[in-house]
C-alpha cells in the first residue's frame, strides 16, 4: 500500500467532489479523560478518546490484533494519554486508522499555528486511471490544503 501525508495546496479545487465532515469540537476533559493521539506535528494535534479508538480499531477482525488490544487496555489503566503509533503492527497502518477517524469525524483536530479547534474538514473520494489500471482512495483537506491522501486500491 502507498500512503503519503503532506501539507501542499490543491490547485484543481474546481474539479473535486468534496464532502464536508463535521469533527469533534469540544475538548471536554471528561470525554478525553483517556486520550489516544492519532497524529501530532508542528501544525496539528489530532486525538480521539480511548473508547472510540478501541471500538474502531481492527483488533477483532485482523489476526494478531487481540494482543495489541490487550496491551492498549492495560496501558490505559496506567496512562491517560496513549500514542496510536505504539499500537500498530506496521507503521503504514496508522495512515488508514487516521483516515478512518477523519472520515467518521470521530476525532478532534487542534490547529497549533492558529491556536484553535478545526470544526470541519473536506474529503474527496477519488478514482484515477482506466479499468484494470487504476487507483482509488481518499484525500482529506484542512482549510483547503491537502493534509492526508490514502491509496485504498490499485488495480
Protein backbone atom coordinates (compact mmCIF):
# COMPACT_ATOMS: atom_id res chain seq x y z
CA UNK A 1 0.00 0.00 0.00
CA UNK A 2 1.12 3.52 -0.74
CA UNK A 3 0.40 6.45 1.50
CA UNK A 4 1.51 9.98 1.97
CA UNK A 5 1.00 12.77 4.41
CA UNK A 6 1.65 16.22 3.10
CA UNK A 7 0.75 19.83 3.55
CA UNK A 8 0.55 21.06 -0.02
CA UNK A 9 -2.03 23.19 -1.80
CA UNK A 10 -4.53 21.56 -4.13
CA UNK A 11 -4.67 23.53 -7.41
CA UNK A 12 -7.60 21.72 -9.02
CA UNK A 13 -10.25 22.52 -6.40
CA UNK A 14 -12.95 23.15 -9.01
CA UNK A 15 -12.71 19.56 -10.25
CA UNK A 16 -13.14 18.00 -6.80
CA UNK A 17 -16.24 16.39 -5.34
CA UNK A 18 -15.71 17.29 -1.73
CA UNK A 19 -17.76 16.13 1.21
CA UNK A 20 -17.72 18.21 4.38
CA UNK A 21 -17.13 16.21 7.55
CA UNK A 22 -18.03 17.58 10.97
CA UNK A 23 -15.40 16.81 13.60
CA UNK A 24 -15.44 16.81 17.38
CA UNK A 25 -15.27 20.42 18.53
CA UNK A 26 -15.31 20.15 22.31
CA UNK A 27 -12.14 19.38 24.20
CA UNK A 28 -14.26 18.15 27.11
CA UNK A 29 -11.93 16.80 29.84
CA UNK A 30 -14.43 14.10 30.79
CA UNK A 31 -14.64 12.79 27.20
CA UNK A 32 -10.86 12.98 26.80
CA UNK A 33 -10.05 11.58 30.24
CA UNK A 34 -8.28 8.77 28.40
CA UNK A 35 -6.87 10.03 25.09
CA UNK A 36 -5.20 8.49 22.06
CA UNK A 37 -3.03 10.79 19.97
CA UNK A 38 -3.62 9.84 16.33
CA UNK A 39 -1.28 12.45 14.81
CA UNK A 40 0.98 15.20 16.13
CA UNK A 41 3.33 17.54 14.27
CA UNK A 42 4.19 21.26 14.27
CA UNK A 43 0.85 22.17 12.66
CA UNK A 44 -1.81 19.84 14.09
CA UNK A 45 -2.65 17.62 17.02
CA UNK A 46 -5.32 15.02 16.23
CA UNK A 47 -6.78 12.93 19.01
CA UNK A 48 -9.73 10.79 19.99
CA UNK A 49 -10.84 9.28 23.25
CA UNK A 50 -9.67 5.80 24.24
CA UNK A 51 -13.07 4.06 23.96
CA UNK A 52 -13.57 5.38 20.42
CA UNK A 53 -10.08 4.22 19.47
CA UNK A 54 -10.58 0.71 20.89
CA UNK A 55 -14.04 0.30 19.39
CA UNK A 56 -12.95 1.47 15.91
CA UNK A 57 -9.60 -0.27 15.61
CA UNK A 58 -9.28 -3.56 13.69
CA UNK A 59 -8.44 -5.51 16.85
CA UNK A 60 -11.19 -8.06 16.38
CA UNK A 61 -11.03 -8.51 12.60
CA UNK A 62 -7.33 -8.74 11.79
CA UNK A 63 -5.38 -11.74 13.03
CA UNK A 64 -2.96 -10.95 15.81
CA UNK A 65 -4.52 -7.70 16.94
CA UNK A 66 -6.05 -9.16 20.08
CA UNK A 67 -2.62 -8.95 21.77
CA UNK A 68 -2.28 -5.29 20.78
CA UNK A 69 -5.79 -4.57 22.08
CA UNK A 70 -4.99 -6.23 25.39
CA UNK A 71 -1.79 -4.19 25.68
CA UNK A 72 -3.62 -0.92 24.89
CA UNK A 73 -6.25 -1.66 27.56
CA UNK A 74 -3.55 -2.48 30.11
CA UNK A 75 -1.63 0.68 29.24
CA UNK A 76 -4.77 2.82 29.56
CA UNK A 77 -5.10 1.67 33.17
CA UNK A 78 -1.77 3.38 33.96
CA UNK A 79 -1.66 6.23 31.43
CA UNK A 80 -4.12 8.96 30.46
CA UNK A 81 -2.54 9.60 27.04
CA UNK A 82 -1.54 6.88 24.57
CA UNK A 83 0.08 7.20 21.15
CA UNK A 84 -1.60 5.34 18.29
CA UNK A 85 1.86 4.59 16.87
CA UNK A 86 2.54 2.30 19.85
CA UNK A 87 -0.34 0.02 18.82
CA UNK A 88 0.37 -0.72 15.15
CA UNK A 89 1.63 -3.91 13.57
CA UNK A 90 3.13 -1.84 10.74
CA UNK A 91 3.67 1.94 10.74
CA UNK A 92 1.73 2.40 7.48
CA UNK A 93 -1.45 1.13 9.19
CA UNK A 94 -1.53 4.41 11.10
CA UNK A 95 -2.42 6.28 7.92
CA UNK A 96 -5.54 4.21 7.40
CA UNK A 97 -6.60 4.40 11.04
CA UNK A 98 -6.17 8.18 10.95
CA UNK A 99 -8.13 8.33 7.67
CA UNK A 100 -10.92 6.28 9.27
CA UNK A 101 -11.24 8.68 12.20
CA UNK A 102 -11.16 11.70 9.89
CA UNK A 103 -13.85 10.18 7.64
CA UNK A 104 -16.06 9.30 10.61
CA UNK A 105 -15.50 12.67 12.29
CA UNK A 106 -14.55 10.81 15.47
CA UNK A 107 -11.52 12.95 16.27
CA UNK A 108 -10.58 16.44 17.36
CA UNK A 109 -8.09 18.46 15.32
CA UNK A 110 -6.26 21.27 17.07
CA UNK A 111 -4.57 23.79 14.77
CA UNK A 112 -1.37 24.69 16.64
CA UNK A 113 -0.46 27.66 14.44
CA UNK A 114 -3.83 29.38 14.87
CA UNK A 115 -4.45 28.01 18.37
CA UNK A 116 -7.96 26.80 17.55
CA UNK A 117 -10.01 23.65 17.05
CA UNK A 118 -10.90 22.78 13.44
CA UNK A 119 -14.63 22.08 13.20
CA UNK A 120 -14.81 20.62 9.68
CA UNK A 121 -12.61 19.07 7.03
CA UNK A 122 -13.24 18.18 3.41
CA UNK A 123 -12.86 14.69 1.98
CA UNK A 124 -12.61 13.64 -1.65
CA UNK A 125 -13.07 10.03 -2.72
CA UNK A 126 -11.13 9.65 -5.95
CA UNK A 127 -10.53 7.14 -8.72
CA UNK A 128 -7.86 7.73 -11.33
CA UNK A 129 -6.95 5.72 -14.41
CA UNK A 130 -8.75 3.18 -16.51
CA UNK A 131 -10.29 -0.18 -15.62
CA UNK A 132 -7.62 -2.67 -14.53
CA UNK A 133 -5.10 0.20 -14.43
CA UNK A 134 -6.49 2.50 -11.77
CA UNK A 135 -6.05 3.71 -8.22
CA UNK A 136 -8.63 4.92 -5.79
CA UNK A 137 -8.54 6.37 -2.35
CA UNK A 138 -9.37 9.36 -0.19
CA UNK A 139 -7.94 12.85 0.16
CA UNK A 140 -8.52 14.94 3.24
CA UNK A 141 -8.24 18.72 3.20
CA UNK A 142 -7.81 21.03 6.17
CA UNK A 143 -8.51 24.67 5.31
CA UNK A 144 -8.34 23.76 1.59
CA UNK A 145 -4.83 22.29 1.94
CA UNK A 146 -4.23 18.62 1.24
CA UNK A 147 -3.45 17.04 4.58
CA UNK A 148 -3.72 13.28 4.03
CA UNK A 149 -4.06 11.05 1.00
CA UNK A 150 -4.67 7.32 1.05
CA UNK A 151 -4.43 4.89 -1.83
CA UNK A 152 -7.03 2.31 -0.88
CA UNK A 153 -6.99 0.23 -4.07
CA UNK A 154 -4.67 -0.36 -7.01
CA UNK A 155 -5.80 -2.47 -9.94
